[in-house]
Amino acid sequence: MQSMSFTDQARAAKNASRRLATASRAAKDAALNAMAEALLADQDAVLAANAADIARAEQAGTPASLIDRLRLTPDRIAGMADGLRQLAGLADPVGDVVRGWTNANGVRVRQVRVPFGVVGIIYEARPNVTADAAGICLKSGNAALLRGSSSALESNRAIIAALRRGVESAGLPADAVQLVEGGREVTAEMMAARGLVDVLIPRGGAGLINAVVEGSKVPVIETGTGNCHLFVDASADHDQALALLLNAKTQRPSVCNALETLLVHADAAPTFLPRALEALADAGVTVHGTPAVVAYSDAVVPATEDEFDAEYLSLDLACAIVPDLDAALDHIRAHSTGHSETIVTADLAAAERFAAEVDAAAVLVNASSRFVDGGEFGFGAEIGISTQKLHARGPMALPEMTSTKYLVTGSGQTRP
């Protein structure tokens, strides 16, 4: 497979996608379970390949946080296998009737879910995404062309070899799962492969996502960055607000649904901010604040204007005091990436206004933004969180990895 050109890989994926489109749920589930078993059987080879990637990253001076995302362990491989098995237990979206009716003339119309066909996924660092993406694509009847980052090349090669063997052992075409290798010119080929690749999904930082969105001729589903805000309203319960703040910022700071900006109502600031700043400092969080926030603590770093547009993905947090709900809404409109936005309030009218006026994939009232996740929503699996408005928005589970078509059935009716 490695000697194939990208065009040949895409054509092979297209052929495989035709088989997958009509595969039964039982066949796909058998392949997912076989993929999990093959991954566990190849654990030593995968770990050895990952060790080579880690060594290369350390030599290059890669930050420890990125190396941790790259690193595989027996537990993480077991988690990848469990994820594939869990996919086998989920309902198959292919063939679901979205809506249907019978016209007065007896013609029956049904809108049913169908696979996209060939899905290209371009992603960074984390090799566990390779197994997740391959499994989600296969379960939804799609062939996957997986373009991982060069930092995880050896790991991805080993993982894909195991997954392909599992797919083939279950009687489905191995070319349903392929790793796309090469330099930037290959990424450009993927983005230009309209007609061979049906949809592209970028997963990674803002630079990668913007490059794909702006440069692709293939339709793109944008899994956007998360400059997520939490607004503490004047009526907020301060204990509740503090718990939500710490969870959203510190539970896992390197992910897209982690909190990046704290906005505090001016009426709440004198009592809430001292507690919040102390708790954040104790948790190792560096607060980057406006002059009004800096006045509360010497530990606060003066924020530049650009920082309110930042996705830190670290233990850093931008903070501002706003005079009222209108100002909070204006700030979010100006700086939000449309991912997840939160209000903490005891005022029903404020909650309703926030929910109605904030334009984001997810709006939360008195709940942590860390809940914006396919697993937490009960979907069982997700390919990413879409921040665009067409086709899918929010956590993209198996149904969002399908399109639809209309089946029209008659008994010889003609249009008058």
Protein backbone atom coordinates (compact mmCIF):
# COMPACT_ATOMS: atom_id res chain seq x y z
CA MET A 1 0.00 0.00 0.00
CA GLN A 2 2.87 2.40 0.78
CA SER A 3 4.07 2.40 -2.85
CA MET A 4 0.66 3.47 -4.16
CA SER A 5 0.10 7.03 -5.33
CA PHE A 6 -2.57 9.00 -3.52
CA THR A 7 -4.83 8.78 -6.57
CA ASP A 8 -4.52 5.00 -6.54
CA GLN A 9 -5.27 4.93 -2.82
CA ALA A 10 -8.34 7.11 -3.32
CA ARG A 11 -9.62 4.90 -6.14
CA ALA A 12 -9.10 1.81 -3.99
CA ALA A 13 -11.00 3.53 -1.17
CA LYS A 14 -13.81 4.39 -3.57
CA ASN A 15 -14.11 0.75 -4.60
CA ALA A 16 -14.05 -0.34 -0.97
CA SER A 17 -16.72 2.21 -0.08
CA ARG A 18 -19.14 0.57 -2.51
CA ARG A 19 -18.78 -2.71 -0.61
CA LEU A 20 -19.18 -0.98 2.74
CA ALA A 21 -22.31 0.87 1.62
CA THR A 22 -24.22 -2.41 1.35
CA ALA A 23 -22.47 -4.30 4.17
CA SER A 24 -24.76 -5.57 6.90
CA ARG A 25 -24.46 -4.39 10.46
CA ALA A 26 -23.29 -7.87 11.44
CA ALA A 27 -20.45 -7.72 8.90
CA LYS A 28 -19.32 -4.29 10.04
CA ASP A 29 -19.52 -5.23 13.71
CA ALA A 30 -17.50 -8.38 13.05
CA ALA A 31 -14.85 -6.23 11.37
CA LEU A 32 -14.75 -3.81 14.31
CA ASN A 33 -14.26 -6.64 16.78
CA ALA A 34 -11.57 -8.18 14.56
CA MET A 35 -9.83 -4.79 14.36
CA ALA A 36 -9.80 -4.62 18.16
CA GLU A 37 -8.32 -8.13 18.44
CA ALA A 38 -5.67 -7.39 15.81
CA LEU A 39 -4.67 -4.20 17.61
CA LEU A 40 -4.18 -6.08 20.88
CA ALA A 41 -2.31 -8.88 19.13
CA ASP A 42 0.07 -6.31 17.62
CA GLN A 43 0.52 -4.38 20.86
CA ASP A 44 4.28 -4.97 21.07
CA ALA A 45 4.82 -3.82 17.49
CA VAL A 46 2.66 -0.73 18.04
CA LEU A 47 4.51 0.19 21.25
CA ALA A 48 7.89 -0.27 19.56
CA ALA A 49 6.82 1.97 16.68
CA ASN A 50 5.50 4.53 19.14
CA ALA A 51 8.78 4.48 21.06
CA ALA A 52 10.56 5.46 17.84
CA ASP A 53 8.15 8.38 17.36
CA ILE A 54 8.63 9.48 20.98
CA ALA A 55 12.43 9.36 20.68
CA ARG A 56 12.32 11.45 17.53
CA ALA A 57 9.99 13.97 19.17
CA GLU A 58 12.21 14.27 22.23
CA GLN A 59 15.26 14.83 20.03
CA ALA A 60 13.38 17.62 18.25
CA GLY A 61 12.60 19.35 21.56
CA THR A 62 8.85 18.76 21.37
CA PRO A 63 7.00 20.12 24.46
CA ALA A 64 6.13 17.54 27.11
CA SER A 65 2.39 18.16 26.70
CA LEU A 66 2.57 17.22 23.00
CA ILE A 67 4.73 14.19 23.71
CA ASP A 68 2.10 13.00 26.18
CA ARG A 69 -0.55 13.25 23.44
CA LEU A 70 1.73 11.24 21.16
CA ARG A 71 2.60 8.55 23.70
CA LEU A 72 0.91 5.13 23.67
CA THR A 73 0.84 2.72 26.60
CA PRO A 74 -0.70 -0.74 27.04
CA ASP A 75 -3.64 0.95 28.79
CA ARG A 76 -4.13 3.40 25.93
CA ILE A 77 -4.01 0.62 23.35
CA ALA A 78 -6.53 -1.33 25.42
CA GLY A 79 -8.69 1.80 25.40
CA MET A 80 -8.44 2.01 21.60
CA ALA A 81 -9.54 -1.64 21.33
CA ASP A 82 -12.40 -1.04 23.77
CA GLY A 83 -13.51 1.93 21.68
CA LEU A 84 -13.74 -0.28 18.59
CA ARG A 85 -15.76 -2.90 20.50
CA GLN A 86 -18.09 -0.21 21.84
CA LEU A 87 -18.70 0.97 18.28
CA ALA A 88 -19.81 -2.55 17.42
CA GLY A 89 -22.46 -2.24 20.11
CA LEU A 90 -23.93 0.99 18.76
CA ALA A 91 -26.88 1.22 16.39
CA ASP A 92 -26.04 1.32 12.70
CA PRO A 93 -27.24 4.64 11.23
CA VAL A 94 -27.17 3.42 7.62
CA GLY A 95 -30.68 2.83 6.31
CA ASP A 96 -32.41 4.74 9.11
CA VAL A 97 -35.52 6.52 7.85
CA VAL A 98 -35.21 10.20 8.77
CA ARG A 99 -38.76 10.92 7.62
CA GLY A 100 -41.30 9.40 5.28
CA TRP A 101 -44.81 9.87 3.97
CA THR A 102 -47.23 8.76 1.27
CA ASN A 103 -48.64 11.32 -1.13
CA ALA A 104 -52.31 11.47 -2.07
CA ASN A 105 -51.51 9.76 -5.38
CA GLY A 106 -50.04 6.75 -3.55
CA VAL A 107 -46.35 7.59 -4.18
CA ARG A 108 -44.30 6.73 -1.10
CA VAL A 109 -41.39 9.06 -0.20
CA ARG A 110 -38.69 8.17 2.33
CA GLN A 111 -35.51 10.02 3.32
CA VAL A 112 -32.91 7.46 4.45
CA ARG A 113 -29.37 7.70 5.81
CA VAL A 114 -26.54 6.61 3.51
CA PRO A 115 -22.73 6.74 3.88
CA PHE A 116 -20.74 9.64 2.45
CA GLY A 117 -18.48 7.17 0.63
CA VAL A 118 -14.82 8.12 1.10
CA VAL A 119 -13.94 10.25 4.11
CA GLY A 120 -10.53 11.89 4.34
CA ILE A 121 -9.41 12.85 7.85
CA ILE A 122 -6.39 15.09 8.38
CA TYR A 123 -5.25 15.18 11.99
CA GLU A 124 -2.33 15.96 14.27
CA ALA A 125 -0.26 14.04 16.80
CA ARG A 126 -2.54 11.65 18.74
CA PRO A 127 -2.24 8.15 17.21
CA ASN A 128 -5.30 6.93 19.10
CA VAL A 129 -7.33 9.06 16.66
CA THR A 130 -6.24 6.62 13.94
CA ALA A 131 -8.19 3.75 15.47
CA ASP A 132 -11.13 5.92 16.52
CA ALA A 133 -11.53 7.50 13.09
CA ALA A 134 -11.14 4.22 11.22
CA GLY A 135 -13.75 2.56 13.41
CA ILE A 136 -16.30 5.38 13.20
CA CYS A 137 -15.94 5.56 9.43
CA LEU A 138 -16.33 1.81 9.00
CA LYS A 139 -19.38 1.60 11.28
CA SER A 140 -21.08 4.37 9.30
CA GLY A 141 -20.27 2.60 6.02
CA ASN A 142 -17.45 4.89 4.88
CA ALA A 143 -13.97 4.12 3.63
CA ALA A 144 -11.32 6.14 5.49
CA LEU A 145 -8.22 7.87 4.13
CA LEU A 146 -6.29 8.83 7.25
CA ARG A 147 -3.66 11.55 7.00
CA GLY A 148 -1.92 11.63 10.36
CA SER A 149 0.96 13.91 11.29
CA SER A 150 4.57 12.98 10.56
CA SER A 151 5.27 13.00 14.30
CA ALA A 152 3.17 9.83 14.67
CA LEU A 153 4.13 8.15 11.39
CA GLU A 154 5.63 4.93 12.78
CA SER A 155 2.80 4.53 15.30
CA ASN A 156 0.16 5.08 12.63
CA ARG A 157 1.81 2.60 10.27
CA ALA A 158 1.70 -0.11 12.93
CA ILE A 159 -1.88 0.69 13.95
CA ILE A 160 -3.15 0.76 10.37
CA ALA A 161 -1.43 -2.55 9.56
CA ALA A 162 -3.30 -4.19 12.43
CA LEU A 163 -6.62 -2.57 11.56
CA ARG A 164 -6.40 -3.56 7.90
CA ARG A 165 -5.67 -7.15 8.85
CA GLY A 166 -8.71 -7.17 11.12
CA VAL A 167 -10.99 -5.72 8.44
CA GLU A 168 -9.82 -8.25 5.86
CA SER A 169 -10.16 -11.19 8.25
CA ALA A 170 -13.84 -10.30 8.67
CA GLY A 171 -14.44 -10.42 4.92
CA LEU A 172 -14.50 -6.70 4.17
CA PRO A 173 -11.95 -4.94 1.91
CA ALA A 174 -8.75 -3.88 3.65
CA ASP A 175 -8.71 -0.73 1.55
CA ALA A 176 -11.61 0.53 3.64
CA VAL A 177 -8.85 1.75 6.01
CA GLN A 178 -5.76 3.40 4.56
CA LEU A 179 -2.93 5.58 5.84
CA VAL A 180 -1.99 8.47 3.55
CA GLU A 181 1.73 9.21 3.70
CA GLY A 182 3.98 11.80 2.11
CA GLY A 183 4.78 15.49 2.30
CA ARG A 184 2.58 18.55 2.04
CA GLU A 185 1.99 17.87 -1.62
CA VAL A 186 -0.05 14.80 -0.64
CA THR A 187 -2.25 16.88 1.65
CA ALA A 188 -2.78 19.22 -1.31
CA GLU A 189 -3.76 16.21 -3.44
CA MET A 190 -6.33 15.17 -0.84
CA MET A 191 -7.83 18.65 -0.81
CA ALA A 192 -8.03 18.67 -4.62
CA ALA A 193 -9.47 15.14 -4.98
CA ARG A 194 -13.07 16.15 -5.66
CA GLY A 195 -14.88 13.13 -7.06
CA LEU A 196 -12.60 10.64 -5.34
CA VAL A 197 -12.86 11.95 -1.77
CA ASP A 198 -16.40 12.83 -0.72
CA VAL A 199 -15.68 14.85 2.41
CA LEU A 200 -12.65 16.05 4.37
CA ILE A 201 -12.56 16.45 8.14
CA PRO A 202 -9.59 18.32 9.69
CA ARG A 203 -8.83 17.67 13.37
CA GLY A 204 -6.17 19.78 15.02
CA GLY A 205 -5.11 23.33 15.67
CA ALA A 206 -6.39 26.51 14.05
CA GLY A 207 -3.59 26.54 11.46
CA LEU A 208 -4.45 23.08 10.13
CA ILE A 209 -8.19 23.68 10.15
CA ASN A 210 -7.94 27.04 8.39
CA ALA A 211 -5.58 25.63 5.75
CA VAL A 212 -8.01 22.84 4.90
CA VAL A 213 -11.14 25.01 4.99
CA GLU A 214 -9.58 27.69 2.80
CA GLY A 215 -7.68 25.42 0.40
CA SER A 216 -9.93 22.42 -0.18
CA LYS A 217 -11.95 21.74 -3.30
CA VAL A 218 -13.48 18.75 -1.49
CA PRO A 219 -16.41 19.56 0.85
CA VAL A 220 -15.13 20.09 4.41
CA ILE A 221 -16.74 19.54 7.79
CA GLU A 222 -14.96 21.96 10.07
CA THR A 223 -14.10 20.72 13.55
CA GLY A 224 -13.25 24.13 14.94
CA THR A 225 -11.10 25.45 17.71
CA GLY A 226 -12.59 26.18 21.10
CA ASN A 227 -12.17 29.66 22.57
CA CYS A 228 -14.77 28.81 25.19
CA HIS A 229 -16.14 31.41 27.63
CA LEU A 230 -17.70 31.18 31.08
CA PHE A 231 -19.74 34.18 32.24
CA VAL A 232 -20.40 34.52 35.97
CA ASP A 233 -23.59 36.56 36.20
CA ALA A 234 -24.48 38.90 39.09
CA SER A 235 -26.95 36.34 40.47
CA ALA A 236 -24.60 33.33 40.23
CA ASP A 237 -24.07 31.00 43.18
CA HIS A 238 -20.37 31.56 43.83
CA ASP A 239 -19.67 28.04 45.08
CA GLN A 240 -21.26 26.61 41.97
CA ALA A 241 -19.45 29.08 39.71
CA LEU A 242 -16.09 28.25 41.28
CA ALA A 243 -16.63 24.51 40.87
CA LEU A 244 -17.62 24.93 37.21
CA LEU A 245 -14.69 27.27 36.55
CA LEU A 246 -12.11 24.86 37.96
CA ASN A 247 -13.59 21.83 36.22
CA ALA A 248 -13.87 23.53 32.83
CA LYS A 249 -10.32 24.93 33.01
CA THR A 250 -8.26 22.29 34.82
CA GLN A 251 -9.92 18.87 34.34
CA ARG A 252 -8.22 18.55 30.93
CA PRO A 253 -6.87 21.86 29.67
CA SER A 254 -5.49 20.63 26.32
CA VAL A 255 -8.83 19.85 24.66
CA CYS A 256 -11.19 22.00 22.60
CA ASN A 257 -14.02 22.11 25.17
CA ALA A 258 -11.76 23.40 27.96
CA LEU A 259 -12.44 26.93 29.23
CA GLU A 260 -10.22 29.69 27.83
CA THR A 261 -11.89 32.96 28.96
CA LEU A 262 -13.60 33.93 32.22
CA LEU A 263 -16.00 36.89 32.21
CA VAL A 264 -17.26 38.18 35.57
CA HIS A 265 -20.17 40.56 36.10
CA ALA A 266 -18.99 43.74 37.84
CA ASP A 267 -21.45 43.21 40.68
CA ALA A 268 -20.05 39.73 41.38
CA ALA A 269 -16.37 40.62 40.96
CA PRO A 270 -15.57 42.03 44.45
CA THR A 271 -16.57 38.81 46.20
CA PHE A 272 -16.10 36.18 43.48
CA LEU A 273 -12.81 37.18 41.84
CA PRO A 274 -10.57 37.00 44.95
CA ARG A 275 -11.79 33.45 45.61
CA ALA A 276 -11.50 32.47 41.98
CA LEU A 277 -8.00 33.91 41.50
CA GLU A 278 -6.72 32.16 44.62
CA ALA A 279 -8.26 28.83 43.59
CA LEU A 280 -6.91 29.13 40.05
CA ALA A 281 -3.42 29.92 41.34
CA ASP A 282 -3.58 26.90 43.66
CA ALA A 283 -4.50 24.78 40.61
CA GLY A 284 -1.48 26.08 38.69
CA VAL A 285 -3.47 28.31 36.33
CA THR A 286 -1.90 31.55 35.07
CA VAL A 287 -4.58 34.24 34.70
CA HIS A 288 -4.10 36.84 31.96
CA GLY A 289 -6.34 39.74 32.92
CA THR A 290 -7.45 43.23 32.00
CA PRO A 291 -6.25 46.09 34.26
CA ALA A 292 -9.40 45.73 36.38
CA VAL A 293 -8.58 42.07 37.02
CA VAL A 294 -4.87 42.77 37.63
CA ALA A 295 -5.94 45.12 40.45
CA TYR A 296 -7.23 42.11 42.39
CA SER A 297 -3.95 40.16 42.47
CA ASP A 298 -0.25 40.59 41.78
CA ALA A 299 -0.28 37.07 40.36
CA VAL A 300 -2.43 38.12 37.38
CA VAL A 301 -0.48 38.70 34.16
CA PRO A 302 -1.61 41.72 32.10
CA ALA A 303 -3.46 40.42 29.04
CA THR A 304 -2.93 41.69 25.54
CA GLU A 305 -5.97 42.18 23.32
CA ASP A 306 -4.95 39.19 21.19
CA GLU A 307 -5.19 36.87 24.18
CA PHE A 308 -8.95 37.12 24.21
CA ASP A 309 -8.91 35.38 20.83
CA ALA A 310 -6.53 32.66 22.04
CA GLU A 311 -7.09 28.95 22.45
CA TYR A 312 -4.41 28.36 25.08
CA LEU A 313 -4.89 24.57 25.45
CA SER A 314 -2.83 24.92 28.63
CA LEU A 315 -3.17 26.08 32.24
CA ASP A 316 -3.67 29.68 31.13
CA LEU A 317 -6.88 31.68 31.27
CA ALA A 318 -7.94 35.09 29.96
CA CYS A 319 -10.14 37.09 32.31
CA ALA A 320 -12.18 40.30 32.12
CA ILE A 321 -14.79 42.10 34.22
CA VAL A 322 -17.90 43.19 32.30
CA PRO A 323 -20.54 45.67 33.46
CA ASP A 324 -23.59 43.59 32.56
CA LEU A 325 -25.04 40.73 30.51
CA ASP A 326 -25.12 42.85 27.34
CA ALA A 327 -21.38 43.45 27.60
CA ALA A 328 -20.76 39.75 28.17
CA LEU A 329 -22.77 38.90 25.08
CA ASP A 330 -20.90 41.53 23.05
CA HIS A 331 -17.53 40.15 24.20
CA ILE A 332 -18.51 36.59 23.28
CA ARG A 333 -19.79 37.69 19.86
CA ALA A 334 -16.47 39.43 19.20
CA HIS A 335 -14.16 36.61 20.33
CA SER A 336 -16.03 33.28 20.28
CA THR A 337 -15.08 30.50 17.89
CA GLY A 338 -18.63 29.16 18.14
CA HIS A 339 -17.74 26.04 20.13
CA SER A 340 -19.12 26.05 23.70
CA GLU A 341 -20.26 29.02 25.80
CA THR A 342 -21.43 28.94 29.42
CA ILE A 343 -23.38 31.15 31.80
CA VAL A 344 -23.59 30.63 35.55
CA THR A 345 -26.71 32.35 36.84
CA ALA A 346 -29.74 32.05 39.09
CA ASP A 347 -31.69 34.47 36.90
CA LEU A 348 -34.00 32.62 34.52
CA ALA A 349 -34.38 35.64 32.24
CA ALA A 350 -30.60 36.00 31.95
CA ALA A 351 -30.24 32.30 31.20
CA GLU A 352 -32.91 32.48 28.50
CA ARG A 353 -31.32 35.54 26.89
CA PHE A 354 -27.87 33.94 26.92
CA ALA A 355 -29.21 30.72 25.40
CA ALA A 356 -31.12 32.61 22.70
CA GLU A 357 -28.46 35.17 21.75
CA VAL A 358 -25.19 33.24 21.93
CA ASP A 359 -24.30 31.70 18.56
CA ALA A 360 -22.36 28.52 19.30
CA ALA A 361 -22.53 24.78 18.72
CA ALA A 362 -23.30 24.32 22.43
CA VAL A 363 -24.66 26.75 25.01
CA LEU A 364 -24.51 25.69 28.65
CA VAL A 365 -26.41 27.01 31.65
CA ASN A 366 -24.88 26.14 35.04
CA ALA A 367 -22.88 23.21 33.62
CA SER A 368 -19.23 22.66 32.68
CA SER A 369 -18.19 23.01 29.04
CA ARG A 370 -16.32 19.71 29.48
CA PHE A 371 -19.70 18.01 28.93
CA VAL A 372 -19.66 19.02 25.24
CA ASP A 373 -18.47 15.65 24.02
CA GLY A 374 -20.06 12.79 22.09
CA GLY A 375 -19.52 10.31 24.90
CA GLU A 376 -20.93 12.67 27.54
CA PHE A 377 -23.94 13.37 25.33
CA GLY A 378 -24.61 9.63 25.20
CA PHE A 379 -23.66 9.22 21.54
CA GLY A 380 -21.05 6.58 22.33
CA ALA A 381 -18.51 7.90 19.83
CA GLU A 382 -17.60 11.08 17.98
CA ILE A 383 -15.34 12.05 15.11
CA GLY A 384 -14.99 15.61 16.39
CA ILE A 385 -17.02 18.67 17.30
CA SER A 386 -18.25 20.68 14.35
CA THR A 387 -18.45 24.45 14.73
CA GLN A 388 -19.93 25.09 11.31
CA LYS A 389 -23.63 25.47 10.56
CA LEU A 390 -24.11 23.23 7.51
CA HIS A 391 -24.70 19.47 7.70
CA ALA A 392 -23.58 18.96 11.30
CA ARG A 393 -23.01 21.15 14.36
CA GLY A 394 -21.68 20.07 17.74
CA PRO A 395 -20.44 16.55 18.56
CA MET A 396 -20.42 14.47 15.37
CA ALA A 397 -21.55 10.94 16.13
CA LEU A 398 -22.37 8.10 13.74
CA PRO A 399 -25.52 9.70 12.24
CA GLU A 400 -23.52 12.84 11.38
CA MET A 401 -21.10 10.64 9.41
CA THR A 402 -23.85 9.95 6.90
CA SER A 403 -25.73 11.86 4.25
CA THR A 404 -29.26 11.08 3.08
CA LYS A 405 -31.05 10.17 -0.10
CA TYR A 406 -34.72 9.98 -1.02
CA LEU A 407 -36.33 6.71 -2.00
CA VAL A 408 -39.47 7.26 -4.03
CA THR A 409 -41.68 4.20 -4.61
CA GLY A 410 -44.75 4.11 -6.80
CA SER A 411 -46.94 1.75 -8.76
CA GLY A 412 -46.71 3.40 -12.16
CA GLN A 413 -47.91 6.89 -11.25
CA THR A 414 -47.06 9.70 -13.69
CA ARG A 415 -47.10 13.42 -13.01
CA PRO A 416 -50.10 15.17 -14.63
